[in-house]
PDB file of N, CA and C in Angstrom:
ATOM      1  N   ASN A   1       3.758   0.796  -6.080  1.00  0.00           N
ATOM      2  CA  ASN A   1       2.977   0.424  -7.249  1.00  0.00           C
ATOM      3  C   ASN A   1       3.312   1.261  -8.474  1.00  0.00           C
ATOM      4  N   GLN A   2       4.379   2.053  -8.388  1.00  0.00           N
ATOM      5  CA  GLN A   2       4.792   2.851  -9.533  1.00  0.00           C
ATOM      6  C   GLN A   2       6.299   2.973  -9.557  1.00  0.00           C
ATOM      7  N   MET A   3       6.814   3.322 -10.746  1.00  0.00           N
ATOM      8  CA  MET A   3       8.252   3.467 -10.915  1.00  0.00           C
ATOM      9  C   MET A   3       8.487   4.510 -12.006  1.00  0.00           C
ATOM     10  N   THR A   4       9.494   5.346 -11.806  1.00  0.00           N
ATOM     11  CA  THR A   4       9.854   6.342 -12.808  1.00  0.00           C
ATOM     12  C   THR A   4      11.137   5.902 -13.499  1.00  0.00           C
ATOM     13  N   ALA A   5      11.122   5.956 -14.813  1.00  0.00           N
ATOM     14  CA  ALA A   5      12.291   5.592 -15.614  1.00  0.00           C
ATOM     15  C   ALA A   5      12.732   6.818 -16.404  1.00  0.00           C
ATOM     16  N   SER A   6      14.046   6.986 -16.537  1.00  0.00           N
ATOM     17  CA  SER A   6      14.573   8.077 -17.352  1.00  0.00           C
ATOM     18  C   SER A   6      15.773   7.562 -18.146  1.00  0.00           C
ATOM     19  N   TRP A   7      16.116   8.280 -19.213  1.00  0.00           N
ATOM     20  CA  TRP A   7      17.192   7.856 -20.098  1.00  0.00           C
ATOM     21  C   TRP A   7      17.732   9.071 -20.830  1.00  0.00           C
ATOM     22  N   THR A   8      18.874   8.912 -21.466  1.00  0.00           N
ATOM     23  CA  THR A   8      19.435   9.945 -22.319  1.00  0.00           C
ATOM     24  C   THR A   8      18.947   9.684 -23.737  1.00  0.00           C
ATOM     25  N   SER A   9      18.240  10.645 -24.281  1.00  0.00           N
ATOM     26  CA  SER A   9      17.660  10.478 -25.613  1.00  0.00           C
ATOM     27  C   SER A   9      18.705  10.656 -26.704  1.00  0.00           C
ATOM     28  N   GLY A  10      18.467   9.986 -27.825  1.00  0.00           N
ATOM     29  CA  GLY A  10      19.283  10.162 -29.016  1.00  0.00           C
ATOM     30  C   GLY A  10      18.648  11.217 -29.898  1.00  0.00           C
ATOM     31  N   ASN A  11      18.768  11.055 -31.208  1.00  0.00           N
ATOM     32  CA  ASN A  11      18.242  12.072 -32.117  1.00  0.00           C
ATOM     33  C   ASN A  11      16.934  11.668 -32.796  1.00  0.00           C
ATOM     34  N   GLY A  12      16.270  10.634 -32.299  1.00  0.00           N
ATOM     35  CA  GLY A  12      14.964  10.261 -32.836  1.00  0.00           C
ATOM     36  C   GLY A  12      13.908  11.283 -32.463  1.00  0.00           C
ATOM     37  N   GLN A  13      12.873  11.386 -33.291  1.00  0.00           N
ATOM     38  CA  GLN A  13      11.792  12.331 -33.016  1.00  0.00           C
ATOM     39  C   GLN A  13      10.965  11.920 -31.806  1.00  0.00           C
ATOM     40  N   ARG A  14      10.767  10.614 -31.637  1.00  0.00           N
ATOM     41  CA  ARG A  14       9.928  10.094 -30.554  1.00  0.00           C
ATOM     42  C   ARG A  14      10.552   8.816 -30.019  1.00  0.00           C
ATOM     43  N   ARG A  15       9.985   8.302 -28.952  1.00  0.00           N
ATOM     44  CA  ARG A  15      10.459   7.040 -28.387  1.00  0.00           C
ATOM     45  C   ARG A  15       9.316   6.305 -27.702  1.00  0.00           C
ATOM     46  N   ILE A  16       9.444   4.995 -27.684  1.00  0.00           N
ATOM     47  CA  ILE A  16       8.522   4.163 -26.934  1.00  0.00           C
ATOM     48  C   ILE A  16       9.330   3.429 -25.867  1.00  0.00           C
ATOM     49  N   VAL A  17       8.645   3.056 -24.787  1.00  0.00           N
ATOM     50  CA  VAL A  17       9.278   2.251 -23.753  1.00  0.00           C
ATOM     51  C   VAL A  17       8.455   0.977 -23.594  1.00  0.00           C
ATOM     52  N   VAL A  18       9.121  -0.161 -23.770  1.00  0.00           N
ATOM     53  CA  VAL A  18       8.508  -1.471 -23.603  1.00  0.00           C
ATOM     54  C   VAL A  18       8.843  -1.944 -22.191  1.00  0.00           C
ATOM     55  N   VAL A  19       7.811  -2.420 -21.477  1.00  0.00           N
ATOM     56  CA  VAL A  19       7.974  -2.884 -20.105  1.00  0.00           C
ATOM     57  C   VAL A  19       7.476  -4.321 -20.022  1.00  0.00           C
ATOM     58  N   ARG A  20       8.221  -5.138 -19.279  1.00  0.00           N
ATOM     59  CA  ARG A  20       7.821  -6.535 -19.093  1.00  0.00           C
ATOM     60  C   ARG A  20       8.040  -6.919 -17.631  1.00  0.00           C
ATOM     61  N   GLN A  21       7.084  -7.579 -17.073  1.00  0.00           N
ATOM     62  CA  GLN A  21       7.154  -8.024 -15.688  1.00  0.00           C
ATOM     63  C   GLN A  21       7.898  -9.347 -15.574  1.00  0.00           C
ATOM     64  N   GLY A  22       8.880  -9.410 -14.661  1.00  0.00           N
ATOM     65  CA  GLY A  22       9.538 -10.662 -14.319  1.00  0.00           C
ATOM     66  C   GLY A  22      10.673 -11.120 -15.203  1.00  0.00           C
ATOM     67  N   SER A  23      10.734 -10.686 -16.451  1.00  0.00           N
ATOM     68  CA  SER A  23      11.780 -11.129 -17.379  1.00  0.00           C
ATOM     69  C   SER A  23      12.208  -9.972 -18.268  1.00  0.00           C
ATOM     70  N   VAL A  24      13.350 -10.121 -18.910  1.00  0.00           N
ATOM     71  CA  VAL A  24      13.853  -9.097 -19.829  1.00  0.00           C
ATOM     72  C   VAL A  24      12.911  -8.976 -21.021  1.00  0.00           C
ATOM     73  N   THR A  25      12.710  -7.763 -21.495  1.00  0.00           N
ATOM     74  CA  THR A  25      11.843  -7.535 -22.644  1.00  0.00           C
ATOM     75  C   THR A  25      12.371  -8.289 -23.865  1.00  0.00           C
ATOM     76  N   THR A  26      11.448  -8.802 -24.661  1.00  0.00           N
ATOM     77  CA  THR A  26      11.824  -9.564 -25.851  1.00  0.00           C
ATOM     78  C   THR A  26      11.186  -9.023 -27.122  1.00  0.00           C
ATOM     79  N   TRP A  27      10.193  -8.178 -27.003  1.00  0.00           N
ATOM     80  CA  TRP A  27       9.468  -7.655 -28.160  1.00  0.00           C
ATOM     81  C   TRP A  27      10.251  -6.527 -28.815  1.00  0.00           C
ATOM     82  N   VAL A  28      10.239  -6.496 -30.141  1.00  0.00           N
ATOM     83  CA  VAL A  28      10.912  -5.456 -30.915  1.00  0.00           C
ATOM     84  C   VAL A  28       9.894  -4.879 -31.901  1.00  0.00           C
ATOM     85  N   PRO A  29       9.773  -3.543 -31.968  1.00  0.00           N
ATOM     86  CA  PRO A  29       8.807  -2.945 -32.900  1.00  0.00           C
ATOM     87  C   PRO A  29       9.210  -3.160 -34.349  1.00  0.00           C
ATOM     88  N   MET A  30       8.204  -3.097 -35.232  1.00  0.00           N
ATOM     89  CA  MET A  30       8.435  -3.266 -36.675  1.00  0.00           C
ATOM     90  C   MET A  30       8.172  -1.945 -37.387  1.00  0.00           C
ATOM     91  N   ASP A  31       9.054  -1.601 -38.322  1.00  0.00           N
ATOM     92  CA  ASP A  31       8.855  -0.394 -39.124  1.00  0.00           C
ATOM     93  C   ASP A  31       7.493  -0.448 -39.797  1.00  0.00           C
ATOM     94  N   GLY A  32       6.858   0.712 -39.913  1.00  0.00           N
ATOM     95  CA  GLY A  32       5.566   0.810 -40.583  1.00  0.00           C
ATOM     96  C   GLY A  32       4.379   0.469 -39.701  1.00  0.00           C
ATOM     97  N   VAL A  33       4.625   0.170 -38.431  1.00  0.00           N
ATOM     98  CA  VAL A  33       3.540  -0.168 -37.505  1.00  0.00           C
ATOM     99  C   VAL A  33       3.566   0.827 -36.350  1.00  0.00           C
ATOM    100  N   ALA A  34       2.503   1.606 -36.227  1.00  0.00           N
ATOM    101  CA  ALA A  34       2.426   2.597 -35.157  1.00  0.00           C
ATOM    102  C   ALA A  34       2.301   1.913 -33.801  1.00  0.00           C
ATOM    103  N   PRO A  35       2.845   2.521 -32.749  1.00  0.00           N
ATOM    104  CA  PRO A  35       2.681   1.952 -31.406  1.00  0.00           C
ATOM    105  C   PRO A  35       1.193   1.845 -31.063  1.00  0.00           C
ATOM    106  N   ALA A  36       0.775   0.704 -30.549  1.00  0.00           N
ATOM    107  CA  ALA A  36      -0.632   0.484 -30.228  1.00  0.00           C
ATOM    108  C   ALA A  36      -0.779   0.028 -28.783  1.00  0.00           C
ATOM    109  N   GLY A  37      -1.912   0.369 -28.183  1.00  0.00           N
ATOM    110  CA  GLY A  37      -2.223  -0.099 -26.840  1.00  0.00           C
ATOM    111  C   GLY A  37      -1.337   0.493 -25.768  1.00  0.00           C
ATOM    112  N   VAL A  38      -0.813   1.691 -26.009  1.00  0.00           N
ATOM    113  CA  VAL A  38       0.100   2.335 -25.059  1.00  0.00           C
ATOM    114  C   VAL A  38      -0.686   2.790 -23.829  1.00  0.00           C
ATOM    115  N   ASN A  39      -0.159   2.464 -22.648  1.00  0.00           N
ATOM    116  CA  ASN A  39      -0.825   2.874 -21.421  1.00  0.00           C
ATOM    117  C   ASN A  39       0.208   2.910 -20.296  1.00  0.00           C
ATOM    118  N   GLY A  40       0.294   4.003 -19.579  1.00  0.00           N
ATOM    119  CA  GLY A  40       1.196   4.132 -18.447  1.00  0.00           C
ATOM    120  C   GLY A  40       0.741   3.327 -17.241  1.00  0.00           C
ATOM    121  N   PHE A  41      -0.515   2.853 -17.279  1.00  0.00           N
ATOM    122  CA  PHE A  41      -1.034   1.957 -16.247  1.00  0.00           C
ATOM    123  C   PHE A  41      -0.748   0.546 -16.742  1.00  0.00           C
ATOM    124  N   PHE A  42       0.296  -0.097 -16.212  1.00  0.00           N
ATOM    125  CA  PHE A  42       0.809  -1.354 -16.740  1.00  0.00           C
ATOM    126  C   PHE A  42      -0.275  -2.406 -17.013  1.00  0.00           C
ATOM    127  N   PRO A  43      -1.199  -2.675 -16.083  1.00  0.00           N
ATOM    128  CA  PRO A  43      -2.219  -3.696 -16.375  1.00  0.00           C
ATOM    129  C   PRO A  43      -3.127  -3.334 -17.553  1.00  0.00           C
ATOM    130  N   GLY A  44      -3.225  -2.046 -17.888  1.00  0.00           N
ATOM    131  CA  GLY A  44      -4.102  -1.621 -18.969  1.00  0.00           C
ATOM    132  C   GLY A  44      -3.440  -1.548 -20.332  1.00  0.00           C
ATOM    133  N   ALA A  45      -2.120  -1.710 -20.389  1.00  0.00           N
ATOM    134  CA  ALA A  45      -1.407  -1.649 -21.673  1.00  0.00           C
ATOM    135  C   ALA A  45      -1.612  -2.948 -22.451  1.00  0.00           C
ATOM    136  N   LEU A  46      -1.642  -2.843 -23.763  1.00  0.00           N
ATOM    137  CA  LEU A  46      -1.813  -3.999 -24.639  1.00  0.00           C
ATOM    138  C   LEU A  46      -0.602  -4.916 -24.553  1.00  0.00           C
ATOM    139  N   ASP A  47      -0.840  -6.200 -24.391  1.00  0.00           N
ATOM    140  CA  ASP A  47       0.238  -7.196 -24.376  1.00  0.00           C
ATOM    141  C   ASP A  47       0.620  -7.499 -25.822  1.00  0.00           C
ATOM    142  N   HIS A  48       1.846  -7.211 -26.187  1.00  0.00           N
ATOM    143  CA  HIS A  48       2.336  -7.455 -27.548  1.00  0.00           C
ATOM    144  C   HIS A  48       2.972  -8.834 -27.680  1.00  0.00           C
ATOM    145  N   GLY A  49       2.758  -9.671 -26.690  1.00  0.00           N
ATOM    146  CA  GLY A  49       3.286 -11.032 -26.706  1.00  0.00           C
ATOM    147  C   GLY A  49       4.227 -11.265 -25.543  1.00  0.00           C
ATOM    148  N   ASP A  50       4.020 -12.339 -24.837  1.00  0.00           N
ATOM    149  CA  ASP A  50       4.879 -12.736 -23.716  1.00  0.00           C
ATOM    150  C   ASP A  50       4.990 -11.673 -22.628  1.00  0.00           C
ATOM    151  N   GLY A  51       3.958 -10.861 -22.467  1.00  0.00           N
ATOM    152  CA  GLY A  51       3.944  -9.862 -21.400  1.00  0.00           C
ATOM    153  C   GLY A  51       4.645  -8.561 -21.721  1.00  0.00           C
ATOM    154  N   ASN A  52       5.098  -8.364 -22.944  1.00  0.00           N
ATOM    155  CA  ASN A  52       5.745  -7.118 -23.364  1.00  0.00           C
ATOM    156  C   ASN A  52       4.676  -6.070 -23.659  1.00  0.00           C
ATOM    157  N   LYS A  53       4.753  -4.933 -22.973  1.00  0.00           N
ATOM    158  CA  LYS A  53       3.744  -3.887 -23.119  1.00  0.00           C
ATOM    159  C   LYS A  53       4.416  -2.541 -23.365  1.00  0.00           C
ATOM    160  N   ILE A  54       3.838  -1.736 -24.253  1.00  0.00           N
ATOM    161  CA  ILE A  54       4.333  -0.378 -24.479  1.00  0.00           C
ATOM    162  C   ILE A  54       3.635   0.523 -23.465  1.00  0.00           C
ATOM    163  N   CYS A  55       4.416   1.097 -22.564  1.00  0.00           N
ATOM    164  CA  CYS A  55       3.847   1.927 -21.506  1.00  0.00           C
ATOM    165  C   CYS A  55       4.126   3.414 -21.700  1.00  0.00           C
ATOM    166  N   PHE A  56       4.881   3.764 -22.742  1.00  0.00           N
ATOM    167  CA  PHE A  56       5.154   5.167 -23.033  1.00  0.00           C
ATOM    168  C   PHE A  56       5.368   5.344 -24.522  1.00  0.00           C
ATOM    169  N   ASN A  57       4.841   6.443 -25.043  1.00  0.00           N
ATOM    170  CA  ASN A  57       5.071   6.851 -26.424  1.00  0.00           C
ATOM    171  C   ASN A  57       5.078   8.368 -26.423  1.00  0.00           C
ATOM    172  N   GLY A  58       6.222   8.968 -26.696  1.00  0.00           N
ATOM    173  CA  GLY A  58       6.272  10.424 -26.672  1.00  0.00           C
ATOM    174  C   GLY A  58       7.656  10.954 -26.948  1.00  0.00           C
ATOM    175  N   THR A  59       7.852  12.226 -26.579  1.00  0.00           N
ATOM    176  CA  THR A  59       9.108  12.906 -26.862  1.00  0.00           C
ATOM    177  C   THR A  59       9.967  13.102 -25.620  1.00  0.00           C
ATOM    178  N   ASN A  60       9.425  12.857 -24.451  1.00  0.00           N
ATOM    179  CA  ASN A  60      10.173  13.055 -23.200  1.00  0.00           C
ATOM    180  C   ASN A  60      11.266  12.007 -23.026  1.00  0.00           C
ATOM    181  N   ASN A  61      12.094  12.212 -22.016  1.00  0.00           N
ATOM    182  CA  ASN A  61      13.111  11.223 -21.662  1.00  0.00           C
ATOM    183  C   ASN A  61      12.882  10.714 -20.232  1.00  0.00           C
ATOM    184  N   ILE A  62      11.648  10.827 -19.769  1.00  0.00           N
ATOM    185  CA  ILE A  62      11.264  10.352 -18.445  1.00  0.00           C
ATOM    186  C   ILE A  62       9.773  10.040 -18.446  1.00  0.00           C
ATOM    187  N   PHE A  63       9.383   8.990 -17.734  1.00  0.00           N
ATOM    188  CA  PHE A  63       7.960   8.702 -17.567  1.00  0.00           C
ATOM    189  C   PHE A  63       7.780   7.841 -16.330  1.00  0.00           C
ATOM    190  N   THR A  64       6.551   7.795 -15.849  1.00  0.00           N
ATOM    191  CA  THR A  64       6.216   6.976 -14.684  1.00  0.00           C
ATOM    192  C   THR A  64       5.196   5.931 -15.102  1.00  0.00           C
ATOM    193  N   VAL A  65       5.447   4.690 -14.737  1.00  0.00           N
ATOM    194  CA  VAL A  65       4.526   3.588 -15.004  1.00  0.00           C
ATOM    195  C   VAL A  65       3.845   3.241 -13.673  1.00  0.00           C
ATOM    196  N   PHE A  66       2.536   3.001 -13.733  1.00  0.00           N
ATOM    197  CA  PHE A  66       1.719   2.739 -12.549  1.00  0.00           C
ATOM    198  C   PHE A  66       1.153   1.321 -12.580  1.00  0.00           C
ATOM    199  N   GLY A  67       0.578   0.907 -11.461  1.00  0.00           N
ATOM    200  CA  GLY A  67      -0.108  -0.382 -11.402  1.00  0.00           C
ATOM    201  C   GLY A  67       0.835  -1.566 -11.304  1.00  0.00           C
ATOM    202  N   LEU A  68       2.010  -1.369 -10.726  1.00  0.00           N
ATOM    203  CA  LEU A  68       2.996  -2.443 -10.615  1.00  0.00           C
ATOM    204  C   LEU A  68       2.762  -3.273  -9.353  1.00  0.00           C
ATOM    205  N   ALA A  69       3.112  -4.540  -9.433  1.00  0.00           N
ATOM    206  CA  ALA A  69       2.969  -5.454  -8.299  1.00  0.00           C
ATOM    207  C   ALA A  69       4.129  -5.268  -7.330  1.00  0.00           C
ATOM    208  N   PRO A  70       3.897  -5.450  -6.025  1.00  0.00           N
ATOM    209  CA  PRO A  70       4.986  -5.332  -5.058  1.00  0.00           C
ATOM    210  C   PRO A  70       5.979  -6.488  -5.173  1.00  0.00           C
ATOM    211  N   ASN A  71       7.217  -6.228  -4.764  1.00  0.00           N
ATOM    212  CA  ASN A  71       8.284  -7.245  -4.745  1.00  0.00           C
ATOM    213  C   ASN A  71       8.429  -7.970  -6.078  1.00  0.00           C
ATOM    214  N   THR A  72       8.424  -7.215  -7.155  1.00  0.00           N
ATOM    215  CA  THR A  72       8.464  -7.781  -8.500  1.00  0.00           C
ATOM    216  C   THR A  72       9.463  -6.999  -9.349  1.00  0.00           C
ATOM    217  N   TYR A  73      10.186  -7.708 -10.210  1.00  0.00           N
ATOM    218  CA  TYR A  73      11.116  -7.058 -11.128  1.00  0.00           C
ATOM    219  C   TYR A  73      10.424  -6.721 -12.441  1.00  0.00           C
ATOM    220  N   TYR A  74      10.792  -5.568 -12.992  1.00  0.00           N
ATOM    221  CA  TYR A  74      10.283  -5.118 -14.282  1.00  0.00           C
ATOM    222  C   TYR A  74      11.472  -4.738 -15.160  1.00  0.00           C
ATOM    223  N   SER A  75      11.380  -5.076 -16.429  1.00  0.00           N
ATOM    224  CA  SER A  75      12.407  -4.753 -17.400  1.00  0.00           C
ATOM    225  C   SER A  75      11.877  -3.654 -18.321  1.00  0.00           C
ATOM    226  N   PHE A  76      12.745  -2.710 -18.675  1.00  0.00           N
ATOM    227  CA  PHE A  76      12.390  -1.579 -19.529  1.00  0.00           C
ATOM    228  C   PHE A  76      13.345  -1.520 -20.708  1.00  0.00           C
ATOM    229  N   LYS A  77      12.821  -1.193 -21.885  1.00  0.00           N
ATOM    230  CA  LYS A  77      13.677  -0.989 -23.049  1.00  0.00           C
ATOM    231  C   LYS A  77      13.107   0.163 -23.874  1.00  0.00           C
ATOM    232  N   VAL A  78      13.972   1.095 -24.249  1.00  0.00           N
ATOM    233  CA  VAL A  78      13.574   2.283 -25.005  1.00  0.00           C
ATOM    234  C   VAL A  78      13.941   2.094 -26.474  1.00  0.00           C
ATOM    235  N   PHE A  79      12.990   2.389 -27.349  1.00  0.00           N
ATOM    236  CA  PHE A  79      13.235   2.386 -28.798  1.00  0.00           C
ATOM    237  C   PHE A  79      12.901   3.773 -29.337  1.00  0.00           C
ATOM    238  N   GLU A  80      13.839   4.386 -30.038  1.00  0.00           N
ATOM    239  CA  GLU A  80      13.575   5.666 -30.685  1.00  0.00           C
ATOM    240  C   GLU A  80      13.022   5.419 -32.083  1.00  0.00           C
ATOM    241  N   TYR A  81      12.244   6.397 -32.568  1.00  0.00           N
ATOM    242  CA  TYR A  81      11.731   6.266 -33.936  1.00  0.00           C
ATOM    243  C   TYR A  81      11.427   7.632 -34.526  1.00  0.00           C
ATOM    244  N   ASN A  82      11.343   7.644 -35.845  1.00  0.00           N
ATOM    245  CA  ASN A  82      10.940   8.811 -36.614  1.00  0.00           C
ATOM    246  C   ASN A  82       9.694   8.435 -37.402  1.00  0.00           C
ATOM    247  N   GLY A  83       8.894   9.435 -37.730  1.00  0.00           N
ATOM    248  CA  GLY A  83       7.683   9.202 -38.509  1.00  0.00           C
ATOM    249  C   GLY A  83       6.528   8.784 -37.622  1.00  0.00           C
ATOM    250  N   LEU A  84       5.320   8.885 -38.176  1.00  0.00           N
ATOM    251  CA  LEU A  84       4.112   8.515 -37.443  1.00  0.00           C
ATOM    252  C   LEU A  84       3.299   7.503 -38.237  1.00  0.00           C
ATOM    253  N   GLY A  85       2.487   6.743 -37.552  1.00  0.00           N
ATOM    254  CA  GLY A  85       1.608   5.776 -38.200  1.00  0.00           C
ATOM    255  C   GLY A  85       2.382   4.784 -39.041  1.00  0.00           C
ATOM    256  N   MET A  86       1.943   4.626 -40.298  1.00  0.00           N
ATOM    257  CA  MET A  86       2.583   3.665 -41.187  1.00  0.00           C
ATOM    258  C   MET A  86       3.978   4.115 -41.629  1.00  0.00           C
ATOM    259  N   ALA A  87       4.361   5.344 -41.287  1.00  0.00           N
ATOM    260  CA  ALA A  87       5.690   5.846 -41.630  1.00  0.00           C
ATOM    261  C   ALA A  87       6.665   5.690 -40.453  1.00  0.00           C
ATOM    262  N   ALA A  88       6.231   5.015 -39.385  1.00  0.00           N
ATOM    263  CA  ALA A  88       7.108   4.826 -38.221  1.00  0.00           C
ATOM    264  C   ALA A  88       8.338   4.013 -38.619  1.00  0.00           C
ATOM    265  N   ASN A  89       9.501   4.526 -38.275  1.00  0.00           N
ATOM    266  CA  ASN A  89      10.773   3.876 -38.591  1.00  0.00           C
ATOM    267  C   ASN A  89      11.569   3.801 -37.299  1.00  0.00           C
ATOM    268  N   TYR A  90      11.665   2.602 -36.707  1.00  0.00           N
ATOM    269  CA  TYR A  90      12.287   2.396 -35.401  1.00  0.00           C
ATOM    270  C   TYR A  90      13.781   2.132 -35.506  1.00  0.00           C
ATOM    271  N   PHE A  91      14.522   2.635 -34.532  1.00  0.00           N
ATOM    272  CA  PHE A  91      15.935   2.327 -34.424  1.00  0.00           C
ATOM    273  C   PHE A  91      16.049   1.118 -33.501  1.00  0.00           C
ATOM    274  N   THR A  92      16.339  -0.037 -34.086  1.00  0.00           N
ATOM    275  CA  THR A  92      16.435  -1.264 -33.293  1.00  0.00           C
ATOM    276  C   THR A  92      17.847  -1.826 -33.275  1.00  0.00           C
ATOM    277  N   ALA A  93      18.660  -1.505 -34.268  1.00  0.00           N
ATOM    278  CA  ALA A  93      20.050  -1.986 -34.297  1.00  0.00           C
ATOM    279  C   ALA A  93      20.843  -1.203 -33.263  1.00  0.00           C
ATOM    280  N   GLY A  94      21.467  -1.906 -32.374  1.00  0.00           N
ATOM    281  CA  GLY A  94      22.258  -1.230 -31.354  1.00  0.00           C
ATOM    282  C   GLY A  94      21.425  -0.582 -30.266  1.00  0.00           C
ATOM    283  N   ALA A  95      20.132  -0.923 -30.196  1.00  0.00           N
ATOM    284  CA  ALA A  95      19.295  -0.389 -29.118  1.00  0.00           C
ATOM    285  C   ALA A  95      19.886  -0.816 -27.784  1.00  0.00           C
ATOM    286  N   PRO A  96      19.748   0.020 -26.766  1.00  0.00           N
ATOM    287  CA  PRO A  96      20.361  -0.308 -25.483  1.00  0.00           C
ATOM    288  C   PRO A  96      19.786  -1.601 -24.881  1.00  0.00           C
ATOM    289  N   ALA A  97      20.603  -2.232 -24.076  1.00  0.00           N
ATOM    290  CA  ALA A  97      20.138  -3.412 -23.361  1.00  0.00           C
ATOM    291  C   ALA A  97      19.024  -3.013 -22.411  1.00  0.00           C
ATOM    292  N   ALA A  98      18.145  -3.938 -22.122  1.00  0.00           N
ATOM    293  CA  ALA A  98      17.037  -3.664 -21.224  1.00  0.00           C
ATOM    294  C   ALA A  98      17.568  -3.423 -19.819  1.00  0.00           C
ATOM    295  N   GLY A  99      16.975  -2.451 -19.134  1.00  0.00           N
ATOM    296  CA  GLY A  99      17.284  -2.207 -17.739  1.00  0.00           C
ATOM    297  C   GLY A  99      16.230  -2.878 -16.879  1.00  0.00           C
ATOM    298  N   THR A 100      16.615  -3.383 -15.724  1.00  0.00           N
ATOM    299  CA  THR A 100      15.679  -4.070 -14.838  1.00  0.00           C
ATOM    300  C   THR A 100      15.725  -3.428 -13.470  1.00  0.00           C
ATOM    301  N   GLN A 101      14.529  -3.263 -12.884  1.00  0.00           N
ATOM    302  CA  GLN A 101      14.409  -2.671 -11.553  1.00  0.00           C
ATOM    303  C   GLN A 101      13.297  -3.385 -10.801  1.00  0.00           C
ATOM    304  N   GLY A 102      13.460  -3.548  -9.522  1.00  0.00           N
ATOM    305  CA  GLY A 102      12.448  -4.201  -8.710  1.00  0.00           C
ATOM    306  C   GLY A 102      11.641  -3.199  -7.911  1.00  0.00           C
ATOM    307  N   THR A 103      10.416  -3.584  -7.574  1.00  0.00           N
ATOM    308  CA  THR A 103       9.565  -2.781  -6.704  1.00  0.00           C
ATOM    309  C   THR A 103       9.742  -3.251  -5.268  1.00  0.00           C
ATOM    310  N   GLY A 104       9.435  -2.392  -4.329  1.00  0.00           N
ATOM    311  CA  GLY A 104       9.509  -2.750  -2.910  1.00  0.00           C
ATOM    312  C   GLY A 104       8.167  -3.258  -2.412  1.00  0.00           C
ATOM    313  N   ASN A 105       8.039  -3.340  -1.123  1.00  0.00           N
ATOM    314  CA  ASN A 105       6.769  -3.798  -0.516  1.00  0.00           C
ATOM    315  C   ASN A 105       5.679  -2.783  -0.726  1.00  0.00           C
TER     316      ASN A 105
END
């Protein structure tokens, strides 16, 4: 019911991780909009549309997401950004492709 994701960070001050159950992530953050509804407990994170949820917001390069369904694939995508709140400026051009991992029984 949980999975740990890690990545190599770039030079952004912070990063968010978007997680989507069953399909590749499709949501992209917009500059000037702070991450909202962030929750490491997947069912409790705000749905930003089509099941895309922000499950991490911070400075680390590793996090664990909880509350996952068994035998299900999840897609993860990391976006780096600088600034806070309305000054958030996301790096979306050339962002890495989403990674997908499945849960076991």
